[in-house]
Protein backbone atom coordinates (compact mmCIF):
# COMPACT_ATOMS: atom_id res chain seq x y z
CA MET A 1 0.00 0.00 0.00
CA ALA A 2 1.37 3.42 -0.95
CA GLU A 3 2.20 6.04 1.64
CA PRO A 4 -0.31 8.89 1.86
CA PRO A 5 0.82 12.15 0.27
CA THR A 6 2.61 14.63 2.49
CA LEU A 7 2.24 18.37 2.85
CA THR A 8 4.94 20.55 4.40
CA PHE A 9 4.28 23.73 6.35
CA ALA A 10 6.62 26.47 7.57
CA VAL A 11 5.64 27.22 11.17
CA THR A 12 6.66 30.28 13.18
CA GLY A 13 6.47 30.92 16.90
CA MET A 14 7.85 27.59 18.14
CA HIS A 15 10.44 27.65 20.91
CA CYS A 16 10.93 24.01 21.91
CA ALA A 17 9.97 20.40 21.24
CA SER A 18 6.82 20.80 23.35
CA CYS A 19 5.58 23.35 20.84
CA GLY A 20 5.92 20.70 18.15
CA LEU A 21 3.95 18.20 20.21
CA LEU A 22 1.11 20.70 20.64
CA ILE A 23 1.01 21.23 16.87
CA ASP A 24 1.11 17.52 16.10
CA ASP A 25 -1.72 16.82 18.55
CA ALA A 26 -3.89 19.56 17.02
CA VAL A 27 -3.25 18.49 13.42
CA GLU A 28 -3.70 14.77 14.08
CA GLU A 29 -7.23 15.45 15.39
CA LEU A 30 -8.32 16.41 11.86
CA ASP A 31 -10.17 13.89 9.74
CA GLY A 32 -7.98 12.74 6.87
CA VAL A 33 -4.67 13.30 8.68
CA ASP A 34 -2.68 10.10 9.19
CA ARG A 35 0.36 11.63 10.87
CA SER A 36 1.94 14.96 11.72
CA GLN A 37 5.63 15.37 12.48
CA THR A 38 6.94 18.76 13.58
CA ASP A 39 10.59 19.75 13.78
CA SER A 40 10.70 22.81 16.05
CA ARG A 41 14.37 23.46 15.26
CA ARG A 42 13.72 23.68 11.51
CA GLY A 43 10.30 25.30 11.86
CA ARG A 44 8.62 22.66 9.69
CA THR A 45 5.61 20.41 10.04
CA VAL A 46 5.17 17.49 7.65
CA VAL A 47 1.68 16.03 7.48
CA GLN A 48 0.66 12.72 5.91
CA VAL A 49 -2.81 13.45 4.64
CA ASP A 50 -5.70 12.32 2.51
CA PRO A 51 -6.13 15.53 0.48
CA SER A 52 -9.70 14.61 -0.44
CA VAL A 53 -10.62 14.88 3.25
CA ALA A 54 -8.22 17.32 4.97
CA THR A 55 -7.49 20.65 3.30
CA VAL A 56 -4.46 22.88 3.54
CA GLU A 57 -6.72 25.54 5.06
CA ALA A 58 -7.92 23.15 7.79
CA ILE A 59 -4.34 22.21 8.68
CA VAL A 60 -3.26 25.87 8.83
CA ALA A 61 -6.30 26.60 11.02
CA ALA A 62 -5.45 23.71 13.38
CA ILE A 63 -1.88 25.00 13.73
CA ALA A 64 -3.23 28.52 14.36
CA GLY A 65 -5.58 27.09 16.96
CA ALA A 66 -2.54 25.71 18.77
CA GLY A 67 -1.09 29.24 18.83
CA TYR A 68 1.31 29.24 15.87
CA GLU A 69 1.40 30.63 12.36
CA ALA A 70 1.82 28.35 9.37
CA GLU A 71 1.95 28.50 5.62
CA PRO A 72 2.34 25.72 3.08
CA VAL A 73 5.77 25.17 1.55
CA SER A 74 5.75 24.28 -2.14
CA SER A 75 7.62 21.09 -2.93
């Protein structure tokens, strides 16, 4: 079975690994998200997602809801 597609987001406002965990928890609550992995040192969140269910806008909103700003990074 193929891996789900991934989307990458540049995230600002993180200060430590706990910030990344907060983001991952918020994003992984969305329908259509299989996995979120945030690297607070690089300021990046990579999300494995079913794009027919979870939208870029919903992921950005979830990250904002956790208290951070995000924007998609083109691949």
